[in-house]
Amino acid sequence: MSNAFKVLNNIRTLRAQSRELLLADLEEILDKLTIVISERREEIKAKEAKNRTKEEKISKYREMLLADGIDLTELLSTLENNKKHIKRVPRPAKYLYIDEKGMEKSWTGQGRTPATIKKALDKGKRLEDFLIK
């Protein structure tokens, strides 16, 4: 907590600090604090209303599922099973190269450039030289 908030939160310190200010300045501070507090209350009310709406929708959907005889755990397991079956199709290799051990390897062109290809590029070769024909 900052020092300013420590002062505001302690009545004795606040009284001592306020003696150094004019009444008009104190009233201006009060007005600004009132505005900040009302804005904060509105934010909290809006968040609570949003949560209430969400809870009402969840309750409505729960009732619809129960009315149709669908068990929520069964529905969730079905959704999880569908997620497991969706796999990204592997990309085909675009480049062929011989690594330091003399093994022929391929690269899709995505991710980090293999060290062997990087060294060859640094020496002046072109990436097109490694294309699979």
Protein backbone atom coordinates (compact mmCIF):
# COMPACT_ATOMS: atom_id res chain seq x y z
CA MET A 1 0.00 0.00 0.00
CA SER A 2 1.38 3.43 -0.90
CA ASN A 3 2.01 6.12 1.70
CA ALA A 4 -0.89 8.20 0.40
CA PHE A 5 -3.33 5.37 1.05
CA LYS A 6 -1.81 4.72 4.47
CA VAL A 7 -2.49 8.37 5.33
CA LEU A 8 -6.06 8.16 4.00
CA ASN A 9 -6.69 4.95 5.91
CA ASN A 10 -5.52 6.28 9.31
CA ILE A 11 -7.87 8.85 10.88
CA ARG A 12 -5.26 10.41 13.19
CA THR A 13 -2.73 10.88 10.40
CA LEU A 14 -5.46 12.16 8.11
CA ARG A 15 -6.51 14.79 10.69
CA ALA A 16 -2.90 15.89 11.15
CA GLN A 17 -2.31 16.16 7.40
CA SER A 18 -5.61 17.96 6.80
CA ARG A 19 -4.68 20.77 9.25
CA GLU A 20 -2.14 21.95 6.68
CA LEU A 21 -4.78 22.28 3.92
CA LEU A 22 -7.44 24.88 3.27
CA LEU A 23 -11.05 23.84 3.69
CA ALA A 24 -11.68 24.46 -0.03
CA ASP A 25 -8.88 22.05 -0.90
CA LEU A 26 -10.31 19.42 1.45
CA GLU A 27 -13.75 19.81 -0.13
CA GLU A 28 -12.22 19.43 -3.60
CA ILE A 29 -10.47 16.24 -2.47
CA LEU A 30 -13.77 14.98 -1.03
CA ASP A 31 -15.56 15.65 -4.33
CA LYS A 32 -12.92 13.74 -6.26
CA LEU A 33 -12.99 10.84 -3.80
CA THR A 34 -16.78 10.75 -4.05
CA ILE A 35 -16.53 10.52 -7.84
CA VAL A 36 -13.96 7.71 -7.63
CA ILE A 37 -16.09 5.81 -5.13
CA SER A 38 -19.26 6.14 -7.23
CA GLU A 39 -17.38 4.97 -10.35
CA ARG A 40 -16.07 1.97 -8.43
CA ARG A 41 -19.58 1.14 -7.18
CA GLU A 42 -20.89 1.27 -10.75
CA GLU A 43 -18.11 -1.06 -11.93
CA ILE A 44 -18.94 -3.53 -9.17
CA LYS A 45 -22.68 -3.36 -9.96
CA ALA A 46 -22.00 -3.94 -13.66
CA LYS A 47 -19.77 -6.92 -12.89
CA GLU A 48 -22.36 -8.39 -10.52
CA ALA A 49 -25.10 -7.94 -13.13
CA LYS A 50 -22.95 -9.66 -15.74
CA ASN A 51 -22.28 -12.56 -13.37
CA ARG A 52 -25.98 -12.79 -12.50
CA THR A 53 -26.89 -12.93 -16.20
CA LYS A 54 -24.30 -15.63 -16.79
CA GLU A 55 -25.58 -17.68 -13.83
CA GLU A 56 -29.16 -17.35 -15.11
CA LYS A 57 -28.11 -18.62 -18.54
CA ILE A 58 -26.22 -21.54 -17.00
CA SER A 59 -29.26 -22.41 -14.90
CA LYS A 60 -31.49 -22.20 -17.97
CA TYR A 61 -29.22 -24.52 -19.98
CA ARG A 62 -28.97 -26.93 -17.05
CA GLU A 63 -32.77 -27.12 -16.89
CA MET A 64 -32.98 -27.66 -20.66
CA LEU A 65 -30.46 -30.51 -20.48
CA LEU A 66 -32.30 -32.15 -17.60
CA ALA A 67 -35.63 -31.79 -19.41
CA ASP A 68 -34.13 -33.55 -22.44
CA GLY A 69 -32.63 -36.28 -20.24
CA ILE A 70 -29.02 -35.37 -20.95
CA ASP A 71 -26.52 -35.84 -18.16
CA LEU A 72 -24.05 -32.94 -17.88
CA THR A 73 -21.05 -35.21 -17.20
CA GLU A 74 -21.94 -37.26 -20.28
CA LEU A 75 -22.08 -34.11 -22.39
CA LEU A 76 -18.71 -32.92 -21.09
CA SER A 77 -17.04 -36.27 -21.76
CA THR A 78 -18.41 -36.19 -25.31
CA LEU A 79 -16.90 -32.74 -25.84
CA GLU A 80 -13.54 -33.86 -24.42
CA ASN A 81 -13.50 -36.93 -26.68
CA ASN A 82 -14.13 -34.73 -29.73
CA LYS A 83 -11.18 -32.51 -28.80
CA LYS A 84 -8.85 -35.51 -28.55
CA HIS A 85 -9.62 -36.70 -32.07
CA ILE A 86 -8.85 -33.43 -33.80
CA LYS A 87 -5.18 -33.49 -34.78
CA ARG A 88 -3.24 -31.15 -36.96
CA VAL A 89 -2.14 -32.71 -40.22
CA PRO A 90 1.66 -32.91 -40.35
CA ARG A 91 3.23 -30.66 -42.94
CA PRO A 92 5.16 -32.28 -45.76
CA ALA A 93 8.91 -31.77 -45.89
CA LYS A 94 10.09 -29.06 -48.29
CA TYR A 95 13.85 -29.28 -47.88
CA LEU A 96 16.37 -32.13 -47.85
CA TYR A 97 19.87 -31.89 -46.37
CA ILE A 98 22.73 -34.01 -45.03
CA ASP A 99 23.53 -33.37 -41.37
CA GLU A 100 26.96 -33.40 -39.67
CA LYS A 101 26.76 -37.19 -39.14
CA GLY A 102 26.12 -37.82 -42.83
CA MET A 103 22.44 -38.66 -42.33
CA GLU A 104 19.89 -37.45 -44.86
CA LYS A 105 17.21 -35.37 -43.11
CA SER A 106 14.23 -33.30 -44.13
CA TRP A 107 12.82 -30.01 -42.90
CA THR A 108 9.33 -28.53 -43.40
CA GLY A 109 10.58 -24.96 -43.50
CA GLN A 110 8.90 -24.12 -40.22
CA GLY A 111 10.54 -23.61 -36.88
CA ARG A 112 14.24 -23.14 -36.34
CA THR A 113 16.48 -23.56 -39.33
CA PRO A 114 18.60 -26.70 -38.91
CA ALA A 115 22.23 -25.91 -38.08
CA THR A 116 23.53 -27.57 -41.26
CA ILE A 117 21.29 -25.46 -43.50
CA LYS A 118 22.09 -22.32 -41.49
CA LYS A 119 25.84 -22.88 -41.95
CA ALA A 120 25.38 -23.45 -45.68
CA LEU A 121 23.28 -20.26 -45.97
CA ASP A 122 25.98 -18.32 -44.14
CA LYS A 123 28.53 -19.59 -46.68
CA GLY A 124 26.45 -18.25 -49.56
CA LYS A 125 24.15 -21.12 -50.54
CA ARG A 126 20.49 -20.39 -51.20
CA LEU A 127 17.57 -22.05 -49.46
CA GLU A 128 16.26 -23.10 -52.88
CA ASP A 129 19.34 -25.35 -53.21
CA PHE A 130 17.82 -27.61 -50.54
CA LEU A 131 14.33 -27.89 -52.07
CA ILE A 132 12.98 -31.40 -52.58
CA LYS A 133 12.55 -31.94 -56.31
